[in-house]
Amino acid sequence: MGKTLTFNQFVDLVSQKTKTTRKEAKQWIENTFDTIKVNLNKGIKVPGFGKFHVRQLKARMGRNPATGEAIKIPARSKVAFSASKELKEKYNKKGAK
């Protein structure tokens, strides 16, 4: 697996691909992610990519690994992403790197 792409590298790639200025590409990306954040509770489907959504996790009992003591883990929300079938297939082919 390669090195993680930084935000600035991502902006540069979008700028090159769309033949726009770096400033315009950065603004577009920031607006896109802001829109995703605001609408996460509704769920956001991107065809061929996947779905962003919020999952509700129930309260449960757990264990403190250091002491073995039982502890109650409260209910919480979790931001999740589910990859589309196409995206999963692209990265789960035998021999794919």
PDB file of N, CA and C in Angstrom:
ATOM      1  N   MET A   1       0.838  -1.170   0.000  1.00  0.00           N
ATOM      2  CA  MET A   1       0.000   0.000   0.000  1.00  0.00           C
ATOM      3  C   MET A   1       0.891   1.244   0.000  1.00  0.00           C
ATOM      4  N   GLY A   2       0.539   2.219  -0.799  1.00  0.00           N
ATOM      5  CA  GLY A   2       1.362   3.417  -0.931  1.00  0.00           C
ATOM      6  C   GLY A   2       1.142   4.403   0.195  1.00  0.00           C
ATOM      7  N   LYS A   3       1.912   5.470   0.132  1.00  0.00           N
ATOM      8  CA  LYS A   3       1.821   6.530   1.118  1.00  0.00           C
ATOM      9  C   LYS A   3       0.477   7.252   0.980  1.00  0.00           C
ATOM     10  N   THR A   4      -0.091   7.676   2.090  1.00  0.00           N
ATOM     11  CA  THR A   4      -1.367   8.375   2.090  1.00  0.00           C
ATOM     12  C   THR A   4      -1.242   9.721   1.385  1.00  0.00           C
ATOM     13  N   LEU A   5      -2.233  10.035   0.571  1.00  0.00           N
ATOM     14  CA  LEU A   5      -2.287  11.299  -0.143  1.00  0.00           C
ATOM     15  C   LEU A   5      -2.653  12.413   0.829  1.00  0.00           C
ATOM     16  N   THR A   6      -1.915  13.518   0.820  1.00  0.00           N
ATOM     17  CA  THR A   6      -2.258  14.653   1.687  1.00  0.00           C
ATOM     18  C   THR A   6      -3.377  15.454   1.036  1.00  0.00           C
ATOM     19  N   PHE A   7      -4.014  16.315   1.823  1.00  0.00           N
ATOM     20  CA  PHE A   7      -5.078  17.158   1.291  1.00  0.00           C
ATOM     21  C   PHE A   7      -4.540  18.036   0.160  1.00  0.00           C
ATOM     22  N   ASN A   8      -3.362  18.625   0.346  1.00  0.00           N
ATOM     23  CA  ASN A   8      -2.788  19.490  -0.685  1.00  0.00           C
ATOM     24  C   ASN A   8      -2.471  18.719  -1.967  1.00  0.00           C
ATOM     25  N   GLN A   9      -2.006  17.486  -1.839  1.00  0.00           N
ATOM     26  CA  GLN A   9      -1.754  16.661  -3.013  1.00  0.00           C
ATOM     27  C   GLN A   9      -3.070  16.338  -3.731  1.00  0.00           C
ATOM     28  N   PHE A  10      -4.099  16.084  -2.945  1.00  0.00           N
ATOM     29  CA  PHE A  10      -5.431  15.816  -3.496  1.00  0.00           C
ATOM     30  C   PHE A  10      -5.937  17.040  -4.259  1.00  0.00           C
ATOM     31  N   VAL A  11      -5.780  18.227  -3.672  1.00  0.00           N
ATOM     32  CA  VAL A  11      -6.186  19.471  -4.333  1.00  0.00           C
ATOM     33  C   VAL A  11      -5.432  19.623  -5.655  1.00  0.00           C
ATOM     34  N   ASP A  12      -4.143  19.363  -5.650  1.00  0.00           N
ATOM     35  CA  ASP A  12      -3.343  19.470  -6.876  1.00  0.00           C
ATOM     36  C   ASP A  12      -3.861  18.525  -7.969  1.00  0.00           C
ATOM     37  N   LEU A  13      -4.178  17.291  -7.593  1.00  0.00           N
ATOM     38  CA  LEU A  13      -4.684  16.320  -8.570  1.00  0.00           C
ATOM     39  C   LEU A  13      -6.020  16.758  -9.161  1.00  0.00           C
ATOM     40  N   VAL A  14      -6.920  17.247  -8.303  1.00  0.00           N
ATOM     41  CA  VAL A  14      -8.231  17.716  -8.782  1.00  0.00           C
ATOM     42  C   VAL A  14      -8.046  18.925  -9.685  1.00  0.00           C
ATOM     43  N   SER A  15      -7.165  19.824  -9.305  1.00  0.00           N
ATOM     44  CA  SER A  15      -6.879  21.012 -10.109  1.00  0.00           C
ATOM     45  C   SER A  15      -6.375  20.621 -11.500  1.00  0.00           C
ATOM     46  N   GLN A  16      -5.459  19.670 -11.558  1.00  0.00           N
ATOM     47  CA  GLN A  16      -4.924  19.217 -12.845  1.00  0.00           C
ATOM     48  C   GLN A  16      -5.994  18.537 -13.692  1.00  0.00           C
ATOM     49  N   LYS A  17      -6.764  17.656 -13.047  1.00  0.00           N
ATOM     50  CA  LYS A  17      -7.778  16.888 -13.776  1.00  0.00           C
ATOM     51  C   LYS A  17      -8.881  17.783 -14.326  1.00  0.00           C
ATOM     52  N   THR A  18      -9.274  18.808 -13.567  1.00  0.00           N
ATOM     53  CA  THR A  18     -10.369  19.687 -13.986  1.00  0.00           C
ATOM     54  C   THR A  18      -9.880  20.915 -14.740  1.00  0.00           C
ATOM     55  N   LYS A  19      -8.555  21.062 -14.859  1.00  0.00           N
ATOM     56  CA  LYS A  19      -7.950  22.209 -15.535  1.00  0.00           C
ATOM     57  C   LYS A  19      -8.453  23.534 -14.945  1.00  0.00           C
ATOM     58  N   THR A  20      -8.479  23.573 -13.606  1.00  0.00           N
ATOM     59  CA  THR A  20      -8.857  24.787 -12.888  1.00  0.00           C
ATOM     60  C   THR A  20      -7.677  25.227 -12.033  1.00  0.00           C
ATOM     61  N   THR A  21      -7.824  26.388 -11.423  1.00  0.00           N
ATOM     62  CA  THR A  21      -6.765  26.850 -10.536  1.00  0.00           C
ATOM     63  C   THR A  21      -6.792  26.020  -9.262  1.00  0.00           C
ATOM     64  N   ARG A  22      -5.693  26.042  -8.568  1.00  0.00           N
ATOM     65  CA  ARG A  22      -5.593  25.332  -7.291  1.00  0.00           C
ATOM     66  C   ARG A  22      -6.613  25.895  -6.304  1.00  0.00           C
ATOM     67  N   LYS A  23      -6.790  27.204  -6.303  1.00  0.00           N
ATOM     68  CA  LYS A  23      -7.736  27.871  -5.399  1.00  0.00           C
ATOM     69  C   LYS A  23      -9.173  27.413  -5.674  1.00  0.00           C
ATOM     70  N   GLU A  24      -9.547  27.324  -6.957  1.00  0.00           N
ATOM     71  CA  GLU A  24     -10.899  26.875  -7.314  1.00  0.00           C
ATOM     72  C   GLU A  24     -11.105  25.413  -6.919  1.00  0.00           C
ATOM     73  N   ALA A  25     -10.109  24.577  -7.156  1.00  0.00           N
ATOM     74  CA  ALA A  25     -10.209  23.159  -6.811  1.00  0.00           C
ATOM     75  C   ALA A  25     -10.352  22.984  -5.301  1.00  0.00           C
ATOM     76  N   LYS A  26      -9.550  23.735  -4.539  1.00  0.00           N
ATOM     77  CA  LYS A  26      -9.619  23.641  -3.078  1.00  0.00           C
ATOM     78  C   LYS A  26     -11.000  24.057  -2.573  1.00  0.00           C
ATOM     79  N   GLN A  27     -11.544  25.133  -3.127  1.00  0.00           N
ATOM     80  CA  GLN A  27     -12.869  25.605  -2.708  1.00  0.00           C
ATOM     81  C   GLN A  27     -13.942  24.568  -3.035  1.00  0.00           C
ATOM     82  N   TRP A  28     -13.838  23.956  -4.209  1.00  0.00           N
ATOM     83  CA  TRP A  28     -14.802  22.937  -4.609  1.00  0.00           C
ATOM     84  C   TRP A  28     -14.752  21.738  -3.660  1.00  0.00           C
ATOM     85  N   ILE A  29     -13.552  21.280  -3.345  1.00  0.00           N
ATOM     86  CA  ILE A  29     -13.390  20.129  -2.446  1.00  0.00           C
ATOM     87  C   ILE A  29     -13.919  20.453  -1.054  1.00  0.00           C
ATOM     88  N   GLU A  30     -13.563  21.624  -0.520  1.00  0.00           N
ATOM     89  CA  GLU A  30     -14.044  22.018   0.813  1.00  0.00           C
ATOM     90  C   GLU A  30     -15.558  22.109   0.845  1.00  0.00           C
ATOM     91  N   ASN A  31     -16.172  22.676  -0.199  1.00  0.00           N
ATOM     92  CA  ASN A  31     -17.632  22.763  -0.256  1.00  0.00           C
ATOM     93  C   ASN A  31     -18.269  21.382  -0.332  1.00  0.00           C
ATOM     94  N   THR A  32     -17.648  20.474  -1.074  1.00  0.00           N
ATOM     95  CA  THR A  32     -18.163  19.114  -1.185  1.00  0.00           C
ATOM     96  C   THR A  32     -18.165  18.420   0.173  1.00  0.00           C
ATOM     97  N   PHE A  33     -17.039  18.495   0.884  1.00  0.00           N
ATOM     98  CA  PHE A  33     -16.967  17.831   2.187  1.00  0.00           C
ATOM     99  C   PHE A  33     -17.851  18.513   3.231  1.00  0.00           C
ATOM    100  N   ASP A  34     -17.988  19.826   3.170  1.00  0.00           N
ATOM    101  CA  ASP A  34     -18.910  20.525   4.078  1.00  0.00           C
ATOM    102  C   ASP A  34     -20.338  20.060   3.848  1.00  0.00           C
ATOM    103  N   THR A  35     -20.724  19.896   2.581  1.00  0.00           N
ATOM    104  CA  THR A  35     -22.082  19.432   2.245  1.00  0.00           C
ATOM    105  C   THR A  35     -22.294  18.009   2.747  1.00  0.00           C
ATOM    106  N   ILE A  36     -21.292  17.167   2.620  1.00  0.00           N
ATOM    107  CA  ILE A  36     -21.395  15.799   3.129  1.00  0.00           C
ATOM    108  C   ILE A  36     -21.599  15.827   4.644  1.00  0.00           C
ATOM    109  N   LYS A  37     -20.794  16.625   5.358  1.00  0.00           N
ATOM    110  CA  LYS A  37     -20.898  16.700   6.828  1.00  0.00           C
ATOM    111  C   LYS A  37     -22.288  17.140   7.269  1.00  0.00           C
ATOM    112  N   VAL A  38     -22.842  18.154   6.610  1.00  0.00           N
ATOM    113  CA  VAL A  38     -24.144  18.706   6.994  1.00  0.00           C
ATOM    114  C   VAL A  38     -25.267  17.691   6.758  1.00  0.00           C
ATOM    115  N   ASN A  39     -25.114  16.839   5.752  1.00  0.00           N
ATOM    116  CA  ASN A  39     -26.186  15.925   5.369  1.00  0.00           C
ATOM    117  C   ASN A  39     -25.958  14.468   5.749  1.00  0.00           C
ATOM    118  N   LEU A  40     -24.992  14.203   6.605  1.00  0.00           N
ATOM    119  CA  LEU A  40     -24.689  12.817   6.983  1.00  0.00           C
ATOM    120  C   LEU A  40     -25.877  12.075   7.578  1.00  0.00           C
ATOM    121  N   ASN A  41     -26.699  12.748   8.366  1.00  0.00           N
ATOM    122  CA  ASN A  41     -27.841  12.076   8.996  1.00  0.00           C
ATOM    123  C   ASN A  41     -28.829  11.534   7.969  1.00  0.00           C
ATOM    124  N   LYS A  42     -28.883  12.142   6.797  1.00  0.00           N
ATOM    125  CA  LYS A  42     -29.778  11.677   5.730  1.00  0.00           C
ATOM    126  C   LYS A  42     -29.173  10.496   4.990  1.00  0.00           C
ATOM    127  N   GLY A  43     -27.855  10.403   5.010  1.00  0.00           N
ATOM    128  CA  GLY A  43     -27.158   9.402   4.203  1.00  0.00           C
ATOM    129  C   GLY A  43     -26.899   9.998   2.827  1.00  0.00           C
ATOM    130  N   ILE A  44     -25.736   9.736   2.277  1.00  0.00           N
ATOM    131  CA  ILE A  44     -25.362  10.280   0.971  1.00  0.00           C
ATOM    132  C   ILE A  44     -24.837   9.149   0.117  1.00  0.00           C
ATOM    133  N   LYS A  45     -25.520   8.888  -1.000  1.00  0.00           N
ATOM    134  CA  LYS A  45     -25.108   7.833  -1.927  1.00  0.00           C
ATOM    135  C   LYS A  45     -24.399   8.455  -3.109  1.00  0.00           C
ATOM    136  N   VAL A  46     -23.224   7.929  -3.416  1.00  0.00           N
ATOM    137  CA  VAL A  46     -22.459   8.363  -4.584  1.00  0.00           C
ATOM    138  C   VAL A  46     -22.330   7.139  -5.488  1.00  0.00           C
ATOM    139  N   PRO A  47     -23.073   7.117  -6.600  1.00  0.00           N
ATOM    140  CA  PRO A  47     -23.054   5.937  -7.477  1.00  0.00           C
ATOM    141  C   PRO A  47     -21.631   5.563  -7.903  1.00  0.00           C
ATOM    142  N   GLY A  48     -21.328   4.271  -7.821  1.00  0.00           N
ATOM    143  CA  GLY A  48     -20.018   3.773  -8.208  1.00  0.00           C
ATOM    144  C   GLY A  48     -18.945   3.983  -7.150  1.00  0.00           C
ATOM    145  N   PHE A  49     -19.283   4.658  -6.059  1.00  0.00           N
ATOM    146  CA  PHE A  49     -18.308   4.927  -4.998  1.00  0.00           C
ATOM    147  C   PHE A  49     -18.759   4.329  -3.676  1.00  0.00           C
ATOM    148  N   GLY A  50     -19.916   4.766  -3.162  1.00  0.00           N
ATOM    149  CA  GLY A  50     -20.411   4.212  -1.913  1.00  0.00           C
ATOM    150  C   GLY A  50     -21.388   5.125  -1.222  1.00  0.00           C
ATOM    151  N   LYS A  51     -21.612   4.859   0.063  1.00  0.00           N
ATOM    152  CA  LYS A  51     -22.588   5.608   0.851  1.00  0.00           C
ATOM    153  C   LYS A  51     -21.959   6.059   2.167  1.00  0.00           C
ATOM    154  N   PHE A  52     -22.135   7.339   2.482  1.00  0.00           N
ATOM    155  CA  PHE A  52     -21.750   7.904   3.771  1.00  0.00           C
ATOM    156  C   PHE A  52     -23.015   7.943   4.618  1.00  0.00           C
ATOM    157  N   HIS A  53     -22.925   7.533   5.881  1.00  0.00           N
ATOM    158  CA  HIS A  53     -24.095   7.549   6.756  1.00  0.00           C
ATOM    159  C   HIS A  53     -23.670   7.517   8.227  1.00  0.00           C
ATOM    160  N   VAL A  54     -24.660   7.719   9.091  1.00  0.00           N
ATOM    161  CA  VAL A  54     -24.423   7.671  10.532  1.00  0.00           C
ATOM    162  C   VAL A  54     -25.074   6.395  11.061  1.00  0.00           C
ATOM    163  N   ARG A  55     -24.315   5.622  11.805  1.00  0.00           N
ATOM    164  CA  ARG A  55     -24.840   4.411  12.445  1.00  0.00           C
ATOM    165  C   ARG A  55     -25.035   4.677  13.922  1.00  0.00           C
ATOM    166  N   GLN A  56     -26.106   4.155  14.464  1.00  0.00           N
ATOM    167  CA  GLN A  56     -26.370   4.269  15.897  1.00  0.00           C
ATOM    168  C   GLN A  56     -25.915   2.975  16.565  1.00  0.00           C
ATOM    169  N   LEU A  57     -24.981   3.076  17.489  1.00  0.00           N
ATOM    170  CA  LEU A  57     -24.492   1.906  18.218  1.00  0.00           C
ATOM    171  C   LEU A  57     -25.184   1.840  19.571  1.00  0.00           C
ATOM    172  N   LYS A  58     -25.646   0.672  19.935  1.00  0.00           N
ATOM    173  CA  LYS A  58     -26.349   0.484  21.200  1.00  0.00           C
ATOM    174  C   LYS A  58     -25.363   0.456  22.369  1.00  0.00           C
ATOM    175  N   ALA A  59     -25.872   0.760  23.540  1.00  0.00           N
ATOM    176  CA  ALA A  59     -25.060   0.633  24.753  1.00  0.00           C
ATOM    177  C   ALA A  59     -24.750  -0.854  24.949  1.00  0.00           C
ATOM    178  N   ARG A  60     -23.589  -1.126  25.518  1.00  0.00           N
ATOM    179  CA  ARG A  60     -23.210  -2.526  25.729  1.00  0.00           C
ATOM    180  C   ARG A  60     -22.244  -2.629  26.895  1.00  0.00           C
ATOM    181  N   MET A  61     -22.046  -3.852  27.330  1.00  0.00           N
ATOM    182  CA  MET A  61     -21.080  -4.105  28.395  1.00  0.00           C
ATOM    183  C   MET A  61     -19.746  -4.482  27.759  1.00  0.00           C
ATOM    184  N   GLY A  62     -18.666  -3.986  28.334  1.00  0.00           N
ATOM    185  CA  GLY A  62     -17.328  -4.289  27.851  1.00  0.00           C
ATOM    186  C   GLY A  62     -16.431  -4.611  29.031  1.00  0.00           C
ATOM    187  N   ARG A  63     -15.166  -4.773  28.785  1.00  0.00           N
ATOM    188  CA  ARG A  63     -14.191  -5.068  29.844  1.00  0.00           C
ATOM    189  C   ARG A  63     -13.017  -4.127  29.730  1.00  0.00           C
ATOM    190  N   ASN A  64     -12.543  -3.675  30.888  1.00  0.00           N
ATOM    191  CA  ASN A  64     -11.313  -2.911  30.945  1.00  0.00           C
ATOM    192  C   ASN A  64     -10.191  -3.925  30.725  1.00  0.00           C
ATOM    193  N   PRO A  65      -9.405  -3.789  29.646  1.00  0.00           N
ATOM    194  CA  PRO A  65      -8.381  -4.796  29.373  1.00  0.00           C
ATOM    195  C   PRO A  65      -7.276  -4.852  30.426  1.00  0.00           C
ATOM    196  N   ALA A  66      -7.054  -3.766  31.140  1.00  0.00           N
ATOM    197  CA  ALA A  66      -5.988  -3.742  32.144  1.00  0.00           C
ATOM    198  C   ALA A  66      -6.407  -4.464  33.423  1.00  0.00           C
ATOM    199  N   THR A  67      -7.678  -4.274  33.824  1.00  0.00           N
ATOM    200  CA  THR A  67      -8.116  -4.833  35.110  1.00  0.00           C
ATOM    201  C   THR A  67      -9.087  -5.988  34.975  1.00  0.00           C
ATOM    202  N   GLY A  68      -9.708  -6.121  33.790  1.00  0.00           N
ATOM    203  CA  GLY A  68     -10.714  -7.166  33.606  1.00  0.00           C
ATOM    204  C   GLY A  68     -12.067  -6.753  34.163  1.00  0.00           C
ATOM    205  N   GLU A  69     -12.164  -5.552  34.715  1.00  0.00           N
ATOM    206  CA  GLU A  69     -13.412  -5.053  35.306  1.00  0.00           C
ATOM    207  C   GLU A  69     -14.447  -4.806  34.215  1.00  0.00           C
ATOM    208  N   ALA A  70     -15.711  -5.217  34.481  1.00  0.00           N
ATOM    209  CA  ALA A  70     -16.816  -4.970  33.546  1.00  0.00           C
ATOM    210  C   ALA A  70     -17.153  -3.480  33.565  1.00  0.00           C
ATOM    211  N   ILE A  71     -17.330  -2.906  32.369  1.00  0.00           N
ATOM    212  CA  ILE A  71     -17.702  -1.490  32.279  1.00  0.00           C
ATOM    213  C   ILE A  71     -18.840  -1.339  31.276  1.00  0.00           C
ATOM    214  N   LYS A  72     -19.672  -0.328  31.498  1.00  0.00           N
ATOM    215  CA  LYS A  72     -20.766  -0.055  30.580  1.00  0.00           C
ATOM    216  C   LYS A  72     -20.269   0.934  29.530  1.00  0.00           C
ATOM    217  N   ILE A  73     -20.435   0.566  28.265  1.00  0.00           N
ATOM    218  CA  ILE A  73     -20.070   1.444  27.155  1.00  0.00           C
ATOM    219  C   ILE A  73     -21.374   2.081  26.671  1.00  0.00           C
ATOM    220  N   PRO A  74     -21.471   3.421  26.733  1.00  0.00           N
ATOM    221  CA  PRO A  74     -22.731   4.082  26.378  1.00  0.00           C
ATOM    222  C   PRO A  74     -23.051   4.002  24.881  1.00  0.00           C
ATOM    223  N   ALA A  75     -24.325   4.206  24.550  1.00  0.00           N
ATOM    224  CA  ALA A  75     -24.750   4.277  23.153  1.00  0.00           C
ATOM    225  C   ALA A  75     -24.079   5.488  22.520  1.00  0.00           C
ATOM    226  N   ARG A  76     -23.833   5.394  21.219  1.00  0.00           N
ATOM    227  CA  ARG A  76     -23.205   6.521  20.530  1.00  0.00           C
ATOM    228  C   ARG A  76     -23.497   6.448  19.041  1.00  0.00           C
ATOM    229  N   SER A  77     -23.175   7.518  18.355  1.00  0.00           N
ATOM    230  CA  SER A  77     -23.304   7.574  16.899  1.00  0.00           C
ATOM    231  C   SER A  77     -21.929   7.376  16.293  1.00  0.00           C
ATOM    232  N   LYS A  78     -21.906   6.778  15.116  1.00  0.00           N
ATOM    233  CA  LYS A  78     -20.645   6.514  14.436  1.00  0.00           C
ATOM    234  C   LYS A  78     -20.807   6.888  12.966  1.00  0.00           C
ATOM    235  N   VAL A  79     -19.889   7.678  12.449  1.00  0.00           N
ATOM    236  CA  VAL A  79     -19.886   8.006  11.028  1.00  0.00           C
ATOM    237  C   VAL A  79     -19.315   6.803  10.293  1.00  0.00           C
ATOM    238  N   ALA A  80     -20.002   6.378   9.235  1.00  0.00           N
ATOM    239  CA  ALA A  80     -19.573   5.177   8.519  1.00  0.00           C
ATOM    240  C   ALA A  80     -19.597   5.403   7.008  1.00  0.00           C
ATOM    241  N   PHE A  81     -18.831   4.598   6.318  1.00  0.00           N
ATOM    242  CA  PHE A  81     -18.812   4.589   4.861  1.00  0.00           C
ATOM    243  C   PHE A  81     -18.934   3.156   4.401  1.00  0.00           C
ATOM    244  N   SER A  82     -19.852   2.919   3.468  1.00  0.00           N
ATOM    245  CA  SER A  82     -20.003   1.590   2.875  1.00  0.00           C
ATOM    246  C   SER A  82     -19.638   1.697   1.408  1.00  0.00           C
ATOM    247  N   ALA A  83     -18.645   0.964   0.989  1.00  0.00           N
ATOM    248  CA  ALA A  83     -18.203   1.002  -0.406  1.00  0.00           C
ATOM    249  C   ALA A  83     -19.253   0.369  -1.311  1.00  0.00           C
ATOM    250  N   SER A  84     -19.360   0.896  -2.525  1.00  0.00           N
ATOM    251  CA  SER A  84     -20.284   0.326  -3.506  1.00  0.00           C
ATOM    252  C   SER A  84     -19.762  -1.027  -3.975  1.00  0.00           C
ATOM    253  N   LYS A  85     -20.629  -1.776  -4.604  1.00  0.00           N
ATOM    254  CA  LYS A  85     -20.248  -3.093  -5.126  1.00  0.00           C
ATOM    255  C   LYS A  85     -19.093  -2.954  -6.125  1.00  0.00           C
ATOM    256  N   GLU A  86     -19.165  -1.934  -6.995  1.00  0.00           N
ATOM    257  CA  GLU A  86     -18.115  -1.732  -8.000  1.00  0.00           C
ATOM    258  C   GLU A  86     -16.768  -1.442  -7.350  1.00  0.00           C
ATOM    259  N   LEU A  87     -16.775  -0.592  -6.315  1.00  0.00           N
ATOM    260  CA  LEU A  87     -15.533  -0.236  -5.633  1.00  0.00           C
ATOM    261  C   LEU A  87     -14.945  -1.442  -4.909  1.00  0.00           C
ATOM    262  N   LYS A  88     -15.798  -2.218  -4.252  1.00  0.00           N
ATOM    263  CA  LYS A  88     -15.333  -3.429  -3.571  1.00  0.00           C
ATOM    264  C   LYS A  88     -14.710  -4.407  -4.564  1.00  0.00           C
ATOM    265  N   GLU A  89     -15.375  -4.596  -5.693  1.00  0.00           N
ATOM    266  CA  GLU A  89     -14.866  -5.535  -6.696  1.00  0.00           C
ATOM    267  C   GLU A  89     -13.520  -5.087  -7.250  1.00  0.00           C
ATOM    268  N   LYS A  90     -13.346  -3.791  -7.430  1.00  0.00           N
ATOM    269  CA  LYS A  90     -12.093  -3.260  -7.979  1.00  0.00           C
ATOM    270  C   LYS A  90     -10.922  -3.601  -7.059  1.00  0.00           C
ATOM    271  N   TYR A  91     -11.108  -3.514  -5.750  1.00  0.00           N
ATOM    272  CA  TYR A  91     -10.023  -3.728  -4.813  1.00  0.00           C
ATOM    273  C   TYR A  91      -9.968  -5.103  -4.187  1.00  0.00           C
ATOM    274  N   ASN A  92     -10.897  -5.975  -4.554  1.00  0.00           N
ATOM    275  CA  ASN A  92     -10.893  -7.318  -3.995  1.00  0.00           C
ATOM    276  C   ASN A  92     -10.640  -8.399  -5.032  1.00  0.00           C
ATOM    277  N   LYS A  93     -10.108  -8.030  -6.186  1.00  0.00           N
ATOM    278  CA  LYS A  93      -9.775  -9.028  -7.207  1.00  0.00           C
ATOM    279  C   LYS A  93      -8.549  -9.802  -6.741  1.00  0.00           C
ATOM    280  N   LYS A  94      -8.493 -11.065  -7.077  1.00  0.00           N
ATOM    281  CA  LYS A  94      -7.326 -11.883  -6.708  1.00  0.00           C
ATOM    282  C   LYS A  94      -6.092 -11.325  -7.391  1.00  0.00           C
ATOM    283  N   GLY A  95      -5.040 -11.192  -6.626  1.00  0.00           N
ATOM    284  CA  GLY A  95      -3.781 -10.707  -7.174  1.00  0.00           C
ATOM    285  C   GLY A  95      -3.702  -9.204  -7.344  1.00  0.00           C
ATOM    286  N   ALA A  96      -4.786  -8.470  -7.010  1.00  0.00           N
ATOM    287  CA  ALA A  96      -4.779  -7.015  -7.161  1.00  0.00           C
ATOM    288  C   ALA A  96      -3.880  -6.401  -6.090  1.00  0.00           C
ATOM    289  N   LYS A  97      -3.201  -5.321  -6.451  1.00  0.00           N
ATOM    290  CA  LYS A  97      -2.316  -4.628  -5.512  1.00  0.00           C
ATOM    291  C   LYS A  97      -2.746  -3.200  -5.339  1.00  0.00           C
TER     292      LYS A  97
END
